[in-house]
């Protein structure tokens, strides 16, 4: 507690300032509250304990919400990658079918072009799938 006394043309004035850090007030402050009402210090301690419990509960709830959100992100990413793999397989089958049709109709050069461009597309799809599109 800091006391400052001011003297001069004014009547004597005493200013006090009390500060503390932590969840509980200092013992001096609790004694001062008890001088006003003997139940105040007990009520203050109960309020502090309730506040600490509520803040821990909020912190736990926030952590649970963050974990749940992260789980959804991972699940969505997994389904996205799985869908991409199936589309790559579908593209591969489509390219082979188109190349087969070109061979059946005596278009060997076209079938080679279809196979090369198809494999290029599949390679790009696979690389983007592995890197996550980044």
C-alpha atoms as a PDB file:
ATOM      1  CA  UNK A   1       0.000   0.000   0.000  1.00  0.00           C
ATOM      2  CA  UNK A   2       1.347   3.390  -1.007  1.00  0.00           C
ATOM      3  CA  UNK A   3       0.411   6.492   0.955  1.00  0.00           C
ATOM      4  CA  UNK A   4       0.765   9.960  -0.477  1.00  0.00           C
ATOM      5  CA  UNK A   5       0.265  13.012   1.688  1.00  0.00           C
ATOM      6  CA  UNK A   6      -0.284  16.386   0.126  1.00  0.00           C
ATOM      7  CA  UNK A   7       0.218  19.508   2.194  1.00  0.00           C
ATOM      8  CA  UNK A   8       0.090  23.137   1.317  1.00  0.00           C
ATOM      9  CA  UNK A   9      -2.780  25.574   1.020  1.00  0.00           C
ATOM     10  CA  UNK A  10      -5.187  22.628   0.992  1.00  0.00           C
ATOM     11  CA  UNK A  11      -6.223  20.673   4.027  1.00  0.00           C
ATOM     12  CA  UNK A  12      -4.219  17.505   4.562  1.00  0.00           C
ATOM     13  CA  UNK A  13      -5.256  14.798   2.099  1.00  0.00           C
ATOM     14  CA  UNK A  14      -4.301  11.138   2.179  1.00  0.00           C
ATOM     15  CA  UNK A  15      -4.548   9.033  -1.002  1.00  0.00           C
ATOM     16  CA  UNK A  16      -4.122   5.267  -0.860  1.00  0.00           C
ATOM     17  CA  UNK A  17      -3.691   2.786  -3.666  1.00  0.00           C
ATOM     18  CA  UNK A  18      -3.683  -0.980  -3.237  1.00  0.00           C
ATOM     19  CA  UNK A  19      -2.907  -3.379  -6.057  1.00  0.00           C
ATOM     20  CA  UNK A  20      -2.291  -7.096  -6.312  1.00  0.00           C
ATOM     21  CA  UNK A  21      -1.933  -9.782  -8.910  1.00  0.00           C
ATOM     22  CA  UNK A  22      -3.416 -13.224  -8.869  1.00  0.00           C
ATOM     23  CA  UNK A  23      -6.803 -14.802  -8.429  1.00  0.00           C
ATOM     24  CA  UNK A  24      -7.182 -14.023  -4.732  1.00  0.00           C
ATOM     25  CA  UNK A  25      -7.055 -10.569  -3.125  1.00  0.00           C
ATOM     26  CA  UNK A  26      -4.260  -9.870  -0.674  1.00  0.00           C
ATOM     27  CA  UNK A  27      -4.857 -10.686   3.010  1.00  0.00           C
ATOM     28  CA  UNK A  28      -4.865  -6.967   3.842  1.00  0.00           C
ATOM     29  CA  UNK A  29      -7.691  -6.388   1.380  1.00  0.00           C
ATOM     30  CA  UNK A  30      -9.669  -9.312   2.781  1.00  0.00           C
ATOM     31  CA  UNK A  31      -9.245  -7.908   6.302  1.00  0.00           C
ATOM     32  CA  UNK A  32     -10.552  -4.565   5.073  1.00  0.00           C
ATOM     33  CA  UNK A  33     -13.602  -6.229   3.544  1.00  0.00           C
ATOM     34  CA  UNK A  34     -14.180  -8.151   6.790  1.00  0.00           C
ATOM     35  CA  UNK A  35     -14.252  -4.858   8.698  1.00  0.00           C
ATOM     36  CA  UNK A  36     -17.193  -3.815   6.520  1.00  0.00           C
ATOM     37  CA  UNK A  37     -18.993  -7.155   6.709  1.00  0.00           C
ATOM     38  CA  UNK A  38     -17.541 -10.343   8.259  1.00  0.00           C
ATOM     39  CA  UNK A  39     -18.950 -12.472   5.407  1.00  0.00           C
ATOM     40  CA  UNK A  40     -17.347 -10.501   2.548  1.00  0.00           C
ATOM     41  CA  UNK A  41     -14.009 -12.312   2.483  1.00  0.00           C
ATOM     42  CA  UNK A  42     -15.694 -15.732   2.373  1.00  0.00           C
ATOM     43  CA  UNK A  43     -18.027 -14.559  -0.394  1.00  0.00           C
ATOM     44  CA  UNK A  44     -15.073 -13.181  -2.366  1.00  0.00           C
ATOM     45  CA  UNK A  45     -13.180 -16.474  -2.074  1.00  0.00           C
ATOM     46  CA  UNK A  46     -16.248 -18.411  -3.274  1.00  0.00           C
ATOM     47  CA  UNK A  47     -16.648 -16.023  -6.252  1.00  0.00           C
ATOM     48  CA  UNK A  48     -12.974 -16.385  -7.154  1.00  0.00           C
ATOM     49  CA  UNK A  49     -13.203 -20.186  -7.018  1.00  0.00           C
ATOM     50  CA  UNK A  50     -16.341 -20.177  -9.190  1.00  0.00           C
ATOM     51  CA  UNK A  51     -14.636 -17.863 -11.695  1.00  0.00           C
ATOM     52  CA  UNK A  52     -11.574 -20.101 -11.894  1.00  0.00           C
ATOM     53  CA  UNK A  53     -13.752 -23.209 -12.392  1.00  0.00           C
ATOM     54  CA  UNK A  54     -15.799 -21.476 -15.110  1.00  0.00           C
ATOM     55  CA  UNK A  55     -12.694 -20.288 -16.947  1.00  0.00           C
ATOM     56  CA  UNK A  56     -11.260 -23.827 -16.854  1.00  0.00           C
ATOM     57  CA  UNK A  57     -14.573 -25.184 -18.134  1.00  0.00           C
ATOM     58  CA  UNK A  58     -14.641 -22.620 -20.958  1.00  0.00           C
ATOM     59  CA  UNK A  59     -11.037 -23.447 -21.823  1.00  0.00           C
ATOM     60  CA  UNK A  60     -11.878 -27.168 -21.927  1.00  0.00           C
ATOM     61  CA  UNK A  61     -14.937 -26.525 -24.102  1.00  0.00           C
ATOM     62  CA  UNK A  62     -12.898 -24.370 -26.494  1.00  0.00           C
ATOM     63  CA  UNK A  63     -10.254 -27.092 -26.745  1.00  0.00           C
ATOM     64  CA  UNK A  64     -12.930 -29.680 -27.495  1.00  0.00           C
ATOM     65  CA  UNK A  65     -14.428 -27.433 -30.181  1.00  0.00           C
ATOM     66  CA  UNK A  66     -11.017 -26.913 -31.800  1.00  0.00           C
ATOM     67  CA  UNK A  67     -10.335 -30.664 -31.782  1.00  0.00           C
ATOM     68  CA  UNK A  68     -13.757 -31.351 -33.321  1.00  0.00           C
ATOM     69  CA  UNK A  69     -13.157 -28.720 -36.004  1.00  0.00           C
ATOM     70  CA  UNK A  70      -9.737 -30.205 -36.828  1.00  0.00           C
ATOM     71  CA  UNK A  71     -11.309 -33.667 -37.069  1.00  0.00           C
ATOM     72  CA  UNK A  72     -13.871 -32.372 -39.585  1.00  0.00           C
ATOM     73  CA  UNK A  73     -11.100 -30.779 -41.647  1.00  0.00           C
ATOM     74  CA  UNK A  74      -9.154 -34.051 -41.725  1.00  0.00           C
ATOM     75  CA  UNK A  75     -12.290 -36.038 -42.639  1.00  0.00           C
ATOM     76  CA  UNK A  76     -13.151 -33.599 -45.439  1.00  0.00           C
ATOM     77  CA  UNK A  77      -9.595 -33.730 -46.761  1.00  0.00           C
ATOM     78  CA  UNK A  78      -9.674 -37.536 -46.739  1.00  0.00           C
ATOM     79  CA  UNK A  79     -12.960 -37.685 -48.671  1.00  0.00           C
ATOM     80  CA  UNK A  80     -11.645 -35.092 -51.144  1.00  0.00           C
ATOM     81  CA  UNK A  81      -8.489 -37.137 -51.777  1.00  0.00           C
ATOM     82  CA  UNK A  82     -10.479 -40.374 -52.111  1.00  0.00           C
ATOM     83  CA  UNK A  83     -12.797 -38.755 -54.647  1.00  0.00           C
ATOM     84  CA  UNK A  84      -9.764 -37.478 -56.577  1.00  0.00           C
ATOM     85  CA  UNK A  85      -8.278 -40.965 -56.690  1.00  0.00           C
ATOM     86  CA  UNK A  86     -11.498 -42.419 -58.066  1.00  0.00           C
ATOM     87  CA  UNK A  87     -11.693 -39.696 -60.706  1.00  0.00           C
ATOM     88  CA  UNK A  88      -8.087 -40.460 -61.701  1.00  0.00           C
ATOM     89  CA  UNK A  89      -8.965 -44.145 -62.129  1.00  0.00           C
ATOM     90  CA  UNK A  90     -12.016 -43.176 -64.199  1.00  0.00           C
ATOM     91  CA  UNK A  91      -9.853 -40.919 -66.378  1.00  0.00           C
ATOM     92  CA  UNK A  92      -7.340 -43.762 -66.832  1.00  0.00           C
ATOM     93  CA  UNK A  93     -10.087 -46.175 -67.954  1.00  0.00           C
ATOM     94  CA  UNK A  94     -11.532 -43.531 -70.291  1.00  0.00           C
ATOM     95  CA  UNK A  95      -8.115 -42.889 -71.879  1.00  0.00           C
ATOM     96  CA  UNK A  96      -7.478 -46.606 -72.411  1.00  0.00           C
ATOM     97  CA  UNK A  97     -10.963 -47.072 -73.896  1.00  0.00           C
ATOM     98  CA  UNK A  98     -10.486 -44.149 -76.280  1.00  0.00           C
ATOM     99  CA  UNK A  99      -7.066 -45.459 -77.306  1.00  0.00           C
ATOM    100  CA  UNK A 100      -8.591 -48.900 -77.920  1.00  0.00           C
ATOM    101  CA  UNK A 101     -11.284 -47.391 -80.148  1.00  0.00           C
ATOM    102  CA  UNK A 102      -8.624 -45.525 -82.112  1.00  0.00           C
ATOM    103  CA  UNK A 103      -6.717 -48.782 -82.635  1.00  0.00           C
ATOM    104  CA  UNK A 104      -9.891 -50.618 -83.724  1.00  0.00           C
ATOM    105  CA  UNK A 105     -10.559 -47.951 -86.364  1.00  0.00           C
ATOM    106  CA  UNK A 106      -6.940 -48.051 -87.616  1.00  0.00           C
ATOM    107  CA  UNK A 107      -5.924 -44.712 -86.119  1.00  0.00           C
ATOM    108  CA  UNK A 108      -2.658 -45.768 -84.494  1.00  0.00           C
ATOM    109  CA  UNK A 109      -1.197 -42.248 -84.405  1.00  0.00           C
ATOM    110  CA  UNK A 110      -4.346 -40.914 -82.764  1.00  0.00           C
ATOM    111  CA  UNK A 111      -4.267 -43.718 -80.198  1.00  0.00           C
ATOM    112  CA  UNK A 112      -0.668 -42.828 -79.309  1.00  0.00           C
ATOM    113  CA  UNK A 113      -1.653 -39.160 -78.914  1.00  0.00           C
ATOM    114  CA  UNK A 114      -4.630 -40.130 -76.710  1.00  0.00           C
ATOM    115  CA  UNK A 115      -2.470 -42.387 -74.515  1.00  0.00           C
ATOM    116  CA  UNK A 116       0.283 -39.762 -74.124  1.00  0.00           C
ATOM    117  CA  UNK A 117      -2.128 -36.928 -73.324  1.00  0.00           C
ATOM    118  CA  UNK A 118      -4.126 -39.205 -71.007  1.00  0.00           C
ATOM    119  CA  UNK A 119      -1.050 -40.258 -69.075  1.00  0.00           C
ATOM    120  CA  UNK A 120       0.030 -36.617 -68.832  1.00  0.00           C
ATOM    121  CA  UNK A 121      -3.365 -35.698 -67.350  1.00  0.00           C
ATOM    122  CA  UNK A 122      -3.246 -38.659 -64.955  1.00  0.00           C
ATOM    123  CA  UNK A 123       0.297 -37.760 -63.890  1.00  0.00           C
ATOM    124  CA  UNK A 124      -0.711 -34.161 -63.174  1.00  0.00           C
ATOM    125  CA  UNK A 125      -3.775 -35.373 -61.231  1.00  0.00           C
ATOM    126  CA  UNK A 126      -1.616 -37.770 -59.198  1.00  0.00           C
ATOM    127  CA  UNK A 127       1.030 -35.122 -58.450  1.00  0.00           C
ATOM    128  CA  UNK A 128      -1.586 -32.579 -57.381  1.00  0.00           C
ATOM    129  CA  UNK A 129      -3.245 -35.240 -55.252  1.00  0.00           C
ATOM    130  CA  UNK A 130       0.014 -36.062 -53.474  1.00  0.00           C
ATOM    131  CA  UNK A 131       0.917 -32.431 -52.831  1.00  0.00           C
ATOM    132  CA  UNK A 132      -2.618 -31.462 -51.802  1.00  0.00           C
ATOM    133  CA  UNK A 133      -2.964 -29.085 -54.740  1.00  0.00           C
ATOM    134  CA  UNK A 134      -0.412 -26.682 -53.280  1.00  0.00           C
END
